[in-house]
Amino acid sequence: MRIPPIFFCAIGAIMVVFGATRALVLGRRRESRELLEDTPARAKLRRNHLVFGVLHIVMGMFLILLTTGVIPSRPGP
């Protein structure tokens, strides 16, 4: 069974969009929405959201570039 390349491009685009959304919405501090003081646990949670959001962006871009042929894949045996 052969999976069409557009499938992998779509998965990569979804990863980029949701990674950017996660990093921008959950990964940054907004003082207007903070009702309580910033605790170390909340800072760690924000940092984790930011790191994993950026990781999803990088993985999605890699998948798109690999699928479109910008990054050559190794030939099989």
N, C-alpha and C. Protein backbone atom coordinates (compact mmCIF):
# COMPACT_ATOMS: atom_id res chain seq x y z
N MET A 1 0.84 -1.17 0.00
CA MET A 1 0.00 0.00 0.00
C MET A 1 0.88 1.23 0.00
N ARG A 2 0.58 2.17 -0.84
CA ARG A 2 1.36 3.39 -0.95
C ARG A 2 0.55 4.57 -0.43
N ILE A 3 1.13 5.30 0.50
CA ILE A 3 0.45 6.47 1.07
C ILE A 3 0.87 7.69 0.25
N PRO A 4 -0.10 8.52 -0.17
CA PRO A 4 0.26 9.69 -0.98
C PRO A 4 1.04 10.72 -0.16
N PRO A 5 1.98 11.43 -0.80
CA PRO A 5 2.80 12.40 -0.07
C PRO A 5 2.01 13.56 0.54
N ILE A 6 0.86 13.88 -0.03
CA ILE A 6 0.07 14.98 0.52
C ILE A 6 -0.37 14.68 1.95
N PHE A 7 -0.50 13.41 2.27
CA PHE A 7 -0.86 13.02 3.63
C PHE A 7 0.20 13.48 4.63
N PHE A 8 1.47 13.25 4.29
CA PHE A 8 2.56 13.63 5.19
C PHE A 8 2.73 15.15 5.24
N CYS A 9 2.47 15.82 4.14
CA CYS A 9 2.51 17.29 4.14
C CYS A 9 1.41 17.85 5.05
N ALA A 10 0.23 17.23 4.98
CA ALA A 10 -0.87 17.68 5.83
C ALA A 10 -0.57 17.44 7.31
N ILE A 11 -0.01 16.29 7.63
CA ILE A 11 0.37 15.99 9.02
C ILE A 11 1.41 17.00 9.50
N GLY A 12 2.40 17.30 8.66
CA GLY A 12 3.41 18.28 9.02
C GLY A 12 2.82 19.67 9.23
N ALA A 13 1.88 20.06 8.37
CA ALA A 13 1.24 21.37 8.53
C ALA A 13 0.43 21.44 9.81
N ILE A 14 -0.26 20.36 10.14
CA ILE A 14 -1.03 20.32 11.38
C ILE A 14 -0.09 20.43 12.58
N MET A 15 1.05 19.75 12.52
CA MET A 15 2.01 19.83 13.62
C MET A 15 2.56 21.24 13.78
N VAL A 16 2.83 21.92 12.66
CA VAL A 16 3.35 23.29 12.73
C VAL A 16 2.30 24.23 13.32
N VAL A 17 1.07 24.11 12.87
CA VAL A 17 0.01 25.02 13.35
C VAL A 17 -0.26 24.81 14.84
N PHE A 18 -0.43 23.55 15.23
CA PHE A 18 -0.73 23.31 16.64
C PHE A 18 0.47 23.54 17.55
N GLY A 19 1.68 23.32 17.05
CA GLY A 19 2.87 23.63 17.84
C GLY A 19 3.01 25.13 18.06
N ALA A 20 2.75 25.91 17.01
CA ALA A 20 2.82 27.36 17.15
C ALA A 20 1.73 27.87 18.10
N THR A 21 0.55 27.30 17.98
CA THR A 21 -0.54 27.69 18.88
C THR A 21 -0.20 27.36 20.32
N ARG A 22 0.36 26.18 20.54
CA ARG A 22 0.73 25.77 21.90
C ARG A 22 1.81 26.67 22.46
N ALA A 23 2.82 26.98 21.65
CA ALA A 23 3.92 27.81 22.13
C ALA A 23 3.46 29.23 22.42
N LEU A 24 2.61 29.77 21.56
CA LEU A 24 2.19 31.17 21.74
C LEU A 24 1.11 31.35 22.80
N VAL A 25 0.18 30.42 22.87
CA VAL A 25 -0.93 30.59 23.80
C VAL A 25 -0.58 30.08 25.19
N LEU A 26 -0.03 28.89 25.27
CA LEU A 26 0.23 28.28 26.58
C LEU A 26 1.65 28.52 27.09
N GLY A 27 2.57 28.89 26.20
CA GLY A 27 3.96 28.98 26.60
C GLY A 27 4.46 30.34 27.00
N ARG A 28 3.61 31.35 26.96
CA ARG A 28 4.10 32.67 27.35
C ARG A 28 3.26 33.22 28.50
N ARG A 29 3.87 34.12 29.22
CA ARG A 29 3.22 34.69 30.38
C ARG A 29 2.46 35.94 29.98
N ARG A 30 1.22 36.02 30.41
CA ARG A 30 0.40 37.20 30.17
C ARG A 30 -0.02 37.75 31.53
N GLU A 31 0.50 38.89 31.85
CA GLU A 31 0.21 39.46 33.17
C GLU A 31 -1.24 39.87 33.31
N SER A 32 -1.90 40.17 32.20
CA SER A 32 -3.31 40.57 32.28
C SER A 32 -4.20 39.40 32.71
N ARG A 33 -3.78 38.17 32.43
CA ARG A 33 -4.58 37.00 32.79
C ARG A 33 -4.14 36.37 34.10
N GLU A 34 -3.05 36.82 34.66
CA GLU A 34 -2.55 36.25 35.92
C GLU A 34 -3.34 36.84 37.08
N LEU A 35 -4.05 35.99 37.78
CA LEU A 35 -4.79 36.44 38.95
C LEU A 35 -3.97 36.24 40.22
N LEU A 36 -3.19 35.21 40.22
CA LEU A 36 -2.36 34.90 41.38
C LEU A 36 -0.91 35.16 41.05
N GLU A 37 -0.07 35.06 42.05
CA GLU A 37 1.36 35.25 41.83
C GLU A 37 1.90 34.11 40.97
N ASP A 38 2.99 34.40 40.27
CA ASP A 38 3.62 33.39 39.45
C ASP A 38 4.44 32.47 40.34
N THR A 39 4.14 31.20 40.29
CA THR A 39 4.85 30.23 41.11
C THR A 39 5.86 29.48 40.24
N PRO A 40 6.84 28.85 40.85
CA PRO A 40 7.80 28.06 40.07
C PRO A 40 7.14 26.91 39.30
N ALA A 41 6.08 26.34 39.85
CA ALA A 41 5.39 25.26 39.14
C ALA A 41 4.74 25.76 37.86
N ARG A 42 4.14 26.94 37.92
CA ARG A 42 3.53 27.52 36.71
C ARG A 42 4.59 27.91 35.70
N ALA A 43 5.72 28.42 36.18
CA ALA A 43 6.80 28.78 35.26
C ALA A 43 7.34 27.54 34.55
N LYS A 44 7.47 26.44 35.27
CA LYS A 44 7.94 25.19 34.67
C LYS A 44 6.94 24.67 33.65
N LEU A 45 5.66 24.76 33.97
CA LEU A 45 4.62 24.32 33.05
C LEU A 45 4.63 25.16 31.77
N ARG A 46 4.79 26.47 31.90
CA ARG A 46 4.87 27.35 30.72
C ARG A 46 6.09 27.02 29.88
N ARG A 47 7.22 26.78 30.54
CA ARG A 47 8.44 26.44 29.81
C ARG A 47 8.28 25.12 29.05
N ASN A 48 7.62 24.14 29.68
CA ASN A 48 7.38 22.86 29.00
C ASN A 48 6.49 23.05 27.78
N HIS A 49 5.44 23.86 27.90
CA HIS A 49 4.57 24.12 26.75
C HIS A 49 5.35 24.81 25.63
N LEU A 50 6.20 25.74 25.99
CA LEU A 50 6.99 26.45 24.99
C LEU A 50 7.96 25.50 24.29
N VAL A 51 8.67 24.69 25.06
CA VAL A 51 9.66 23.77 24.48
C VAL A 51 8.99 22.75 23.57
N PHE A 52 7.91 22.15 24.02
CA PHE A 52 7.26 21.13 23.21
C PHE A 52 6.51 21.74 22.02
N GLY A 53 6.05 22.97 22.15
CA GLY A 53 5.47 23.65 20.99
C GLY A 53 6.51 23.88 19.91
N VAL A 54 7.68 24.33 20.30
CA VAL A 54 8.77 24.54 19.34
C VAL A 54 9.22 23.21 18.76
N LEU A 55 9.26 22.17 19.57
CA LEU A 55 9.62 20.84 19.08
C LEU A 55 8.63 20.35 18.01
N HIS A 56 7.35 20.57 18.23
CA HIS A 56 6.35 20.19 17.23
C HIS A 56 6.51 20.99 15.94
N ILE A 57 6.86 22.26 16.06
CA ILE A 57 7.09 23.08 14.87
C ILE A 57 8.27 22.53 14.07
N VAL A 58 9.36 22.22 14.75
CA VAL A 58 10.55 21.71 14.07
C VAL A 58 10.26 20.36 13.43
N MET A 59 9.57 19.46 14.14
CA MET A 59 9.26 18.15 13.57
C MET A 59 8.32 18.28 12.37
N GLY A 60 7.35 19.17 12.45
CA GLY A 60 6.44 19.38 11.33
C GLY A 60 7.14 19.94 10.11
N MET A 61 8.04 20.91 10.33
CA MET A 61 8.80 21.48 9.20
C MET A 61 9.71 20.42 8.59
N PHE A 62 10.33 19.59 9.41
CA PHE A 62 11.17 18.52 8.90
C PHE A 62 10.36 17.54 8.06
N LEU A 63 9.18 17.18 8.51
CA LEU A 63 8.32 16.27 7.77
C LEU A 63 7.90 16.87 6.43
N ILE A 64 7.57 18.15 6.42
CA ILE A 64 7.18 18.82 5.17
C ILE A 64 8.37 18.88 4.22
N LEU A 65 9.53 19.28 4.71
CA LEU A 65 10.70 19.39 3.84
C LEU A 65 11.16 18.03 3.33
N LEU A 66 11.04 17.01 4.14
CA LEU A 66 11.42 15.66 3.71
C LEU A 66 10.45 15.13 2.65
N THR A 67 9.18 15.39 2.83
CA THR A 67 8.17 14.92 1.90
C THR A 67 8.26 15.63 0.55
N THR A 68 8.54 16.93 0.57
CA THR A 68 8.60 17.68 -0.69
C THR A 68 9.92 17.47 -1.42
N GLY A 69 10.90 16.86 -0.80
CA GLY A 69 12.15 16.56 -1.47
C GLY A 69 13.23 17.60 -1.27
N VAL A 70 13.00 18.59 -0.45
CA VAL A 70 14.04 19.60 -0.16
C VAL A 70 15.18 18.95 0.60
N ILE A 71 14.85 18.09 1.55
CA ILE A 71 15.85 17.31 2.26
C ILE A 71 15.83 15.91 1.63
N PRO A 72 16.92 15.49 1.02
CA PRO A 72 16.91 14.17 0.38
C PRO A 72 16.90 13.05 1.42
N SER A 73 16.12 12.02 1.13
CA SER A 73 16.11 10.87 2.03
C SER A 73 17.13 9.85 1.56
N ARG A 74 17.58 9.02 2.47
CA ARG A 74 18.57 8.00 2.11
C ARG A 74 17.89 6.92 1.28
N PRO A 75 18.55 6.44 0.26
CA PRO A 75 17.97 5.34 -0.53
C PRO A 75 17.98 4.04 0.27
N GLY A 76 16.96 3.25 0.07
CA GLY A 76 16.85 1.97 0.77
C GLY A 76 17.78 0.92 0.17
N PRO A 77 17.93 -0.21 0.85
CA PRO A 77 18.84 -1.27 0.35
C PRO A 77 18.31 -1.97 -0.87
